[in-house]
Each structure stands twice: as C-alpha cells, then as structure tokens.
Amino acid sequence: MVSRDTSVHVGAVLVALALLGAVEVAGLGSTSGPASLGIALAVYGLVLGGSHLYLAVRGEDGLVPVSARWRYLAALVVFALALAIIGYGGGRTLGPVSLETVGTVVAALAVVGYLAVESVSGYRATRPETD
C-alpha cells in the first residue's frame, strides 16, 4: 500500500512539472538571469519541500513528525536563499567578501545546523522521560 507521504510527494512533483510546463508555454523557460533562477528555485522547492509543507500545514505526522517537517522546510528555505545569493550575486562583493562566499557559508551553515538539530531531536526521542 502506498503511504500518504508518497502520494502527497507524487502530487508535489506533478505540480512542479505543471509549473515547468506553464513556464515553457509562457516562454519564460529560455531566459537567463533572475527569472530563470526564481523558476528553478520554485521547482526544486516544490519537489524537495512541497509534500512536507502540505503535510506540516495540515498537521499530519505520517512517516515524519510535524516538527521535523517544519525544521526541514526552514533549512530548505535558508539553503534556497543561499543558492539565490550565489546565483544572482555571484561576482558582486559585500565589503571585502564576495557574495558567492557569503552564500556558500550560509548554505554550509544551513546544512550543518539542520543536521545538528535533527541529531539532537533524534537523540532526545530515544531517551526515556524522567520526571
């Protein structure tokens, strides 16, 4: 039997594909720059986080706890913003530091922070409650 998570994820992927089709019909797919970067981030965001967002908003645990879904979505948003900084601001500088460096550091911190928070959460879930 297919789990609820799987069916919602398939729906999110289909929405992302529909978005790509609409972009292609509108003629925005062949452009470069901020529009194509925004489209790419939206499609990847739907594929990677669409099902988590839907199930988190509905409050459905399924295979993953709702709190873990929100943490994943927060990390995904920060990571996507970091990629936007890298993609759009590439050659620009912020003082003596390039925006590419800032985006890379933010992306790395998002990944490391997410792994640390999920590790602590997983550890706490295995510990017996002591009151």
N, C-alpha and C. Protein backbone atom coordinates (compact mmCIF):
# COMPACT_ATOMS: atom_id res chain seq x y z
N MET A 1 0.84 -1.18 0.00
CA MET A 1 0.00 0.00 0.00
C MET A 1 0.89 1.24 0.00
N VAL A 2 0.51 2.22 -0.78
CA VAL A 2 1.28 3.45 -0.90
C VAL A 2 0.97 4.34 0.31
N SER A 3 2.02 4.88 0.93
CA SER A 3 1.83 5.72 2.11
C SER A 3 1.28 7.09 1.70
N ARG A 4 0.72 7.77 2.68
CA ARG A 4 0.19 9.12 2.45
C ARG A 4 1.32 10.05 2.02
N ASP A 5 2.50 9.91 2.65
CA ASP A 5 3.64 10.75 2.29
C ASP A 5 4.01 10.59 0.81
N THR A 6 4.01 9.35 0.35
CA THR A 6 4.39 9.09 -1.04
C THR A 6 3.38 9.69 -2.01
N SER A 7 2.11 9.52 -1.73
CA SER A 7 1.11 10.07 -2.65
C SER A 7 1.14 11.60 -2.67
N VAL A 8 1.38 12.23 -1.51
CA VAL A 8 1.48 13.69 -1.47
C VAL A 8 2.73 14.15 -2.21
N HIS A 9 3.82 13.40 -2.06
CA HIS A 9 5.06 13.77 -2.75
C HIS A 9 4.88 13.65 -4.27
N VAL A 10 4.21 12.62 -4.72
CA VAL A 10 3.94 12.48 -6.16
C VAL A 10 3.11 13.67 -6.64
N GLY A 11 2.14 14.10 -5.84
CA GLY A 11 1.35 15.28 -6.18
C GLY A 11 2.20 16.53 -6.28
N ALA A 12 3.14 16.70 -5.35
CA ALA A 12 4.02 17.87 -5.38
C ALA A 12 4.91 17.86 -6.61
N VAL A 13 5.39 16.70 -6.99
CA VAL A 13 6.22 16.59 -8.20
C VAL A 13 5.39 16.90 -9.44
N LEU A 14 4.15 16.44 -9.47
CA LEU A 14 3.28 16.75 -10.60
C LEU A 14 2.99 18.25 -10.69
N VAL A 15 2.81 18.91 -9.55
CA VAL A 15 2.62 20.37 -9.55
C VAL A 15 3.87 21.06 -10.08
N ALA A 16 5.05 20.58 -9.67
CA ALA A 16 6.30 21.16 -10.17
C ALA A 16 6.42 20.98 -11.67
N LEU A 17 6.06 19.81 -12.17
CA LEU A 17 6.10 19.58 -13.62
C LEU A 17 5.09 20.46 -14.35
N ALA A 18 3.92 20.66 -13.74
CA ALA A 18 2.93 21.56 -14.33
C ALA A 18 3.46 22.99 -14.38
N LEU A 19 4.17 23.40 -13.32
CA LEU A 19 4.79 24.73 -13.30
C LEU A 19 5.81 24.85 -14.43
N LEU A 20 6.63 23.82 -14.61
CA LEU A 20 7.60 23.85 -15.71
C LEU A 20 6.90 23.95 -17.06
N GLY A 21 5.81 23.21 -17.22
CA GLY A 21 5.06 23.27 -18.46
C GLY A 21 4.47 24.66 -18.70
N ALA A 22 3.92 25.27 -17.64
CA ALA A 22 3.36 26.61 -17.77
C ALA A 22 4.44 27.64 -18.11
N VAL A 23 5.60 27.48 -17.52
CA VAL A 23 6.71 28.39 -17.81
C VAL A 23 7.14 28.25 -19.26
N GLU A 24 7.17 27.02 -19.74
CA GLU A 24 7.56 26.79 -21.13
C GLU A 24 6.52 27.36 -22.09
N VAL A 25 5.24 27.19 -21.79
CA VAL A 25 4.18 27.74 -22.64
C VAL A 25 4.23 29.26 -22.64
N ALA A 26 4.54 29.85 -21.48
CA ALA A 26 4.62 31.31 -21.38
C ALA A 26 5.89 31.86 -22.02
N GLY A 27 6.84 30.99 -22.34
CA GLY A 27 8.07 31.44 -22.99
C GLY A 27 9.13 31.97 -22.03
N LEU A 28 9.00 31.66 -20.76
CA LEU A 28 9.99 32.14 -19.79
C LEU A 28 11.13 31.15 -19.58
N GLY A 29 11.00 29.95 -20.10
CA GLY A 29 11.99 28.91 -19.84
C GLY A 29 13.34 29.15 -20.47
N SER A 30 13.38 29.90 -21.55
CA SER A 30 14.65 30.08 -22.25
C SER A 30 15.42 31.30 -21.78
N THR A 31 14.87 32.06 -20.85
CA THR A 31 15.55 33.26 -20.39
C THR A 31 16.63 32.89 -19.39
N SER A 32 17.54 33.82 -19.18
CA SER A 32 18.56 33.63 -18.15
C SER A 32 18.45 34.81 -17.19
N GLY A 33 19.03 34.65 -16.03
CA GLY A 33 19.00 35.73 -15.05
C GLY A 33 18.05 35.43 -13.91
N PRO A 34 17.52 36.49 -13.30
CA PRO A 34 16.69 36.31 -12.11
C PRO A 34 15.43 35.47 -12.34
N ALA A 35 14.82 35.61 -13.51
CA ALA A 35 13.59 34.84 -13.77
C ALA A 35 13.87 33.35 -13.79
N SER A 36 14.90 32.93 -14.50
CA SER A 36 15.20 31.50 -14.57
C SER A 36 15.68 30.97 -13.22
N LEU A 37 16.39 31.80 -12.46
CA LEU A 37 16.82 31.39 -11.12
C LEU A 37 15.61 31.21 -10.21
N GLY A 38 14.67 32.13 -10.27
CA GLY A 38 13.45 32.02 -9.47
C GLY A 38 12.62 30.80 -9.84
N ILE A 39 12.53 30.53 -11.13
CA ILE A 39 11.78 29.36 -11.60
C ILE A 39 12.45 28.09 -11.11
N ALA A 40 13.76 28.02 -11.22
CA ALA A 40 14.49 26.83 -10.77
C ALA A 40 14.31 26.63 -9.27
N LEU A 41 14.42 27.70 -8.49
CA LEU A 41 14.24 27.57 -7.04
C LEU A 41 12.82 27.16 -6.69
N ALA A 42 11.83 27.67 -7.42
CA ALA A 42 10.44 27.29 -7.16
C ALA A 42 10.20 25.82 -7.47
N VAL A 43 10.72 25.36 -8.59
CA VAL A 43 10.52 23.95 -8.98
C VAL A 43 11.23 23.03 -7.99
N TYR A 44 12.49 23.32 -7.69
CA TYR A 44 13.20 22.47 -6.73
C TYR A 44 12.57 22.55 -5.34
N GLY A 45 12.07 23.73 -4.98
CA GLY A 45 11.39 23.87 -3.69
C GLY A 45 10.14 23.02 -3.62
N LEU A 46 9.38 22.99 -4.71
CA LEU A 46 8.18 22.14 -4.75
C LEU A 46 8.54 20.67 -4.68
N VAL A 47 9.54 20.27 -5.43
CA VAL A 47 9.92 18.85 -5.46
C VAL A 47 10.48 18.42 -4.09
N LEU A 48 11.35 19.22 -3.52
CA LEU A 48 12.01 18.83 -2.27
C LEU A 48 11.19 19.13 -1.02
N GLY A 49 10.34 20.15 -1.07
CA GLY A 49 9.64 20.52 0.15
C GLY A 49 8.14 20.63 0.04
N GLY A 50 7.58 20.44 -1.14
CA GLY A 50 6.15 20.61 -1.32
C GLY A 50 5.32 19.67 -0.46
N SER A 51 5.70 18.41 -0.43
CA SER A 51 4.93 17.45 0.37
C SER A 51 5.09 17.73 1.86
N HIS A 52 6.28 18.12 2.27
CA HIS A 52 6.49 18.45 3.69
C HIS A 52 5.66 19.67 4.09
N LEU A 53 5.60 20.67 3.22
CA LEU A 53 4.81 21.86 3.53
C LEU A 53 3.33 21.51 3.64
N TYR A 54 2.82 20.76 2.70
CA TYR A 54 1.41 20.38 2.71
C TYR A 54 1.06 19.61 3.98
N LEU A 55 1.86 18.60 4.30
CA LEU A 55 1.58 17.77 5.48
C LEU A 55 1.83 18.52 6.78
N ALA A 56 2.78 19.43 6.81
CA ALA A 56 3.04 20.20 8.03
C ALA A 56 1.90 21.18 8.29
N VAL A 57 1.40 21.83 7.25
CA VAL A 57 0.29 22.76 7.41
C VAL A 57 -0.95 22.02 7.89
N ARG A 58 -1.18 20.83 7.36
CA ARG A 58 -2.33 20.03 7.78
C ARG A 58 -2.13 19.39 9.15
N GLY A 59 -0.87 19.37 9.64
CA GLY A 59 -0.60 18.79 10.94
C GLY A 59 -0.58 17.28 10.94
N GLU A 60 -0.30 16.68 9.79
CA GLU A 60 -0.28 15.22 9.67
C GLU A 60 1.13 14.69 9.86
N ASP A 61 1.28 13.77 10.81
CA ASP A 61 2.60 13.20 11.09
C ASP A 61 3.05 12.27 9.97
N GLY A 62 2.28 11.27 9.67
CA GLY A 62 2.68 10.31 8.65
C GLY A 62 3.96 9.61 9.07
N LEU A 63 4.93 9.57 8.18
CA LEU A 63 6.21 8.91 8.47
C LEU A 63 7.18 9.83 9.20
N VAL A 64 6.94 11.13 9.16
CA VAL A 64 7.84 12.12 9.75
C VAL A 64 7.03 13.02 10.68
N PRO A 65 7.53 13.30 11.89
CA PRO A 65 6.81 14.20 12.79
C PRO A 65 6.66 15.61 12.20
N VAL A 66 5.59 16.28 12.55
CA VAL A 66 5.31 17.62 12.01
C VAL A 66 6.45 18.59 12.36
N SER A 67 6.97 18.51 13.57
CA SER A 67 8.06 19.42 13.96
C SER A 67 9.30 19.21 13.09
N ALA A 68 9.57 17.97 12.73
CA ALA A 68 10.71 17.68 11.84
C ALA A 68 10.45 18.23 10.44
N ARG A 69 9.20 18.20 10.01
CA ARG A 69 8.86 18.76 8.70
C ARG A 69 9.13 20.26 8.68
N TRP A 70 8.72 20.97 9.74
CA TRP A 70 8.95 22.41 9.81
C TRP A 70 10.44 22.72 9.86
N ARG A 71 11.22 21.93 10.60
CA ARG A 71 12.67 22.16 10.63
C ARG A 71 13.28 21.96 9.26
N TYR A 72 12.85 20.92 8.56
CA TYR A 72 13.35 20.66 7.21
C TYR A 72 13.01 21.82 6.28
N LEU A 73 11.77 22.30 6.35
CA LEU A 73 11.36 23.41 5.49
C LEU A 73 12.16 24.67 5.79
N ALA A 74 12.42 24.95 7.06
CA ALA A 74 13.23 26.12 7.42
C ALA A 74 14.63 26.00 6.83
N ALA A 75 15.23 24.83 6.96
CA ALA A 75 16.57 24.63 6.40
C ALA A 75 16.55 24.73 4.88
N LEU A 76 15.50 24.21 4.26
CA LEU A 76 15.39 24.27 2.80
C LEU A 76 15.27 25.71 2.31
N VAL A 77 14.50 26.53 3.02
CA VAL A 77 14.34 27.94 2.64
C VAL A 77 15.67 28.68 2.77
N VAL A 78 16.37 28.47 3.88
CA VAL A 78 17.67 29.14 4.06
C VAL A 78 18.65 28.68 2.99
N PHE A 79 18.66 27.38 2.69
CA PHE A 79 19.55 26.85 1.66
C PHE A 79 19.20 27.43 0.29
N ALA A 80 17.91 27.53 -0.02
CA ALA A 80 17.49 28.10 -1.31
C ALA A 80 17.87 29.57 -1.41
N LEU A 81 17.71 30.32 -0.32
CA LEU A 81 18.11 31.72 -0.33
C LEU A 81 19.62 31.86 -0.53
N ALA A 82 20.38 30.96 0.09
CA ALA A 82 21.83 30.99 -0.11
C ALA A 82 22.18 30.72 -1.57
N LEU A 83 21.48 29.76 -2.18
CA LEU A 83 21.72 29.49 -3.60
C LEU A 83 21.32 30.68 -4.47
N ALA A 84 20.26 31.38 -4.08
CA ALA A 84 19.86 32.58 -4.81
C ALA A 84 20.93 33.66 -4.70
N ILE A 85 21.50 33.80 -3.52
CA ILE A 85 22.60 34.77 -3.33
C ILE A 85 23.77 34.40 -4.22
N ILE A 86 24.11 33.13 -4.26
CA ILE A 86 25.24 32.68 -5.09
C ILE A 86 24.92 32.88 -6.57
N GLY A 87 23.72 32.48 -6.98
CA GLY A 87 23.36 32.55 -8.40
C GLY A 87 23.16 33.96 -8.91
N TYR A 88 22.56 34.82 -8.10
CA TYR A 88 22.24 36.16 -8.57
C TYR A 88 23.35 37.16 -8.27
N GLY A 89 24.01 37.00 -7.14
CA GLY A 89 25.00 37.98 -6.74
C GLY A 89 26.43 37.56 -7.02
N GLY A 90 26.63 36.43 -7.67
CA GLY A 90 27.92 35.83 -7.95
C GLY A 90 29.15 36.70 -7.88
N GLY A 91 29.30 37.64 -8.78
CA GLY A 91 30.53 38.42 -8.86
C GLY A 91 30.56 39.66 -7.98
N ARG A 92 29.47 39.98 -7.35
CA ARG A 92 29.43 41.19 -6.51
C ARG A 92 30.11 40.95 -5.18
N THR A 93 30.47 42.05 -4.55
CA THR A 93 31.13 41.93 -3.24
C THR A 93 30.33 42.68 -2.18
N LEU A 94 30.49 42.25 -0.98
CA LEU A 94 29.91 42.89 0.19
C LEU A 94 31.09 43.25 1.08
N GLY A 95 31.58 44.49 0.89
CA GLY A 95 32.83 44.86 1.55
C GLY A 95 33.95 44.08 0.91
N PRO A 96 34.80 43.47 1.72
CA PRO A 96 35.91 42.69 1.16
C PRO A 96 35.54 41.25 0.78
N VAL A 97 34.29 40.85 1.03
CA VAL A 97 33.88 39.47 0.82
C VAL A 97 32.92 39.38 -0.36
N SER A 98 33.12 38.39 -1.21
CA SER A 98 32.21 38.23 -2.35
C SER A 98 30.90 37.60 -1.87
N LEU A 99 29.81 37.91 -2.59
CA LEU A 99 28.51 37.35 -2.24
C LEU A 99 28.49 35.83 -2.43
N GLU A 100 29.31 35.35 -3.34
CA GLU A 100 29.42 33.90 -3.52
C GLU A 100 29.95 33.24 -2.25
N THR A 101 30.93 33.86 -1.62
CA THR A 101 31.47 33.34 -0.36
C THR A 101 30.42 33.40 0.74
N VAL A 102 29.70 34.50 0.83
CA VAL A 102 28.64 34.64 1.84
C VAL A 102 27.58 33.56 1.63
N GLY A 103 27.13 33.37 0.40
CA GLY A 103 26.13 32.36 0.11
C GLY A 103 26.60 30.96 0.41
N THR A 104 27.87 30.68 0.10
CA THR A 104 28.42 29.35 0.38
C THR A 104 28.47 29.09 1.89
N VAL A 105 28.88 30.09 2.66
CA VAL A 105 28.94 29.93 4.12
C VAL A 105 27.53 29.74 4.68
N VAL A 106 26.57 30.52 4.20
CA VAL A 106 25.19 30.39 4.68
C VAL A 106 24.64 29.01 4.33
N ALA A 107 24.89 28.52 3.12
CA ALA A 107 24.42 27.19 2.72
C ALA A 107 25.05 26.11 3.59
N ALA A 108 26.35 26.21 3.82
CA ALA A 108 27.03 25.22 4.65
C ALA A 108 26.51 25.25 6.08
N LEU A 109 26.29 26.45 6.62
CA LEU A 109 25.75 26.56 7.98
C LEU A 109 24.33 26.00 8.06
N ALA A 110 23.54 26.19 7.01
CA ALA A 110 22.18 25.65 6.99
C ALA A 110 22.21 24.13 7.04
N VAL A 111 23.09 23.52 6.26
CA VAL A 111 23.19 22.07 6.24
C VAL A 111 23.70 21.54 7.57
N VAL A 112 24.78 22.12 8.08
CA VAL A 112 25.35 21.66 9.34
C VAL A 112 24.36 21.90 10.50
N GLY A 113 23.71 23.06 10.51
CA GLY A 113 22.73 23.36 11.55
C GLY A 113 21.56 22.40 11.52
N TYR A 114 21.07 22.11 10.32
CA TYR A 114 19.95 21.17 10.20
C TYR A 114 20.35 19.79 10.71
N LEU A 115 21.51 19.32 10.31
CA LEU A 115 21.96 18.01 10.77
C LEU A 115 22.14 17.97 12.28
N ALA A 116 22.66 19.04 12.86
CA ALA A 116 22.85 19.09 14.31
C ALA A 116 21.51 19.08 15.03
N VAL A 117 20.57 19.90 14.58
CA VAL A 117 19.26 19.97 15.24
C VAL A 117 18.52 18.65 15.11
N GLU A 118 18.55 18.03 13.95
CA GLU A 118 17.88 16.74 13.77
C GLU A 118 18.56 15.64 14.59
N SER A 119 19.87 15.70 14.72
CA SER A 119 20.58 14.72 15.54
C SER A 119 20.17 14.84 17.00
N VAL A 120 20.12 16.05 17.51
CA VAL A 120 19.70 16.27 18.90
C VAL A 120 18.26 15.83 19.10
N SER A 121 17.40 16.16 18.14
CA SER A 121 16.00 15.77 18.23
C SER A 121 15.84 14.25 18.22
N GLY A 122 16.57 13.59 17.36
CA GLY A 122 16.52 12.13 17.29
C GLY A 122 17.04 11.50 18.57
N TYR A 123 18.10 12.06 19.13
CA TYR A 123 18.64 11.54 20.38
C TYR A 123 17.63 11.70 21.51
N ARG A 124 17.02 12.89 21.59
CA ARG A 124 16.03 13.13 22.65
C ARG A 124 14.82 12.22 22.51
N ALA A 125 14.46 11.87 21.29
CA ALA A 125 13.31 10.99 21.07
C ALA A 125 13.57 9.59 21.60
N THR A 126 14.84 9.18 21.68
CA THR A 126 15.16 7.84 22.16
C THR A 126 15.34 7.78 23.67
N ARG A 127 15.45 8.91 24.31
CA ARG A 127 15.68 8.95 25.76
C ARG A 127 14.36 8.80 26.50
N PRO A 128 14.35 8.03 27.58
CA PRO A 128 13.13 7.93 28.38
C PRO A 128 12.87 9.24 29.13
N GLU A 129 11.59 9.55 29.29
CA GLU A 129 11.24 10.76 30.01
C GLU A 129 11.46 10.53 31.50
N THR A 130 12.10 11.50 32.15
CA THR A 130 12.35 11.40 33.59
C THR A 130 11.68 12.60 34.28
N ASP A 131 10.69 12.33 35.03
CA ASP A 131 10.01 13.39 35.77
C ASP A 131 9.91 13.02 37.23
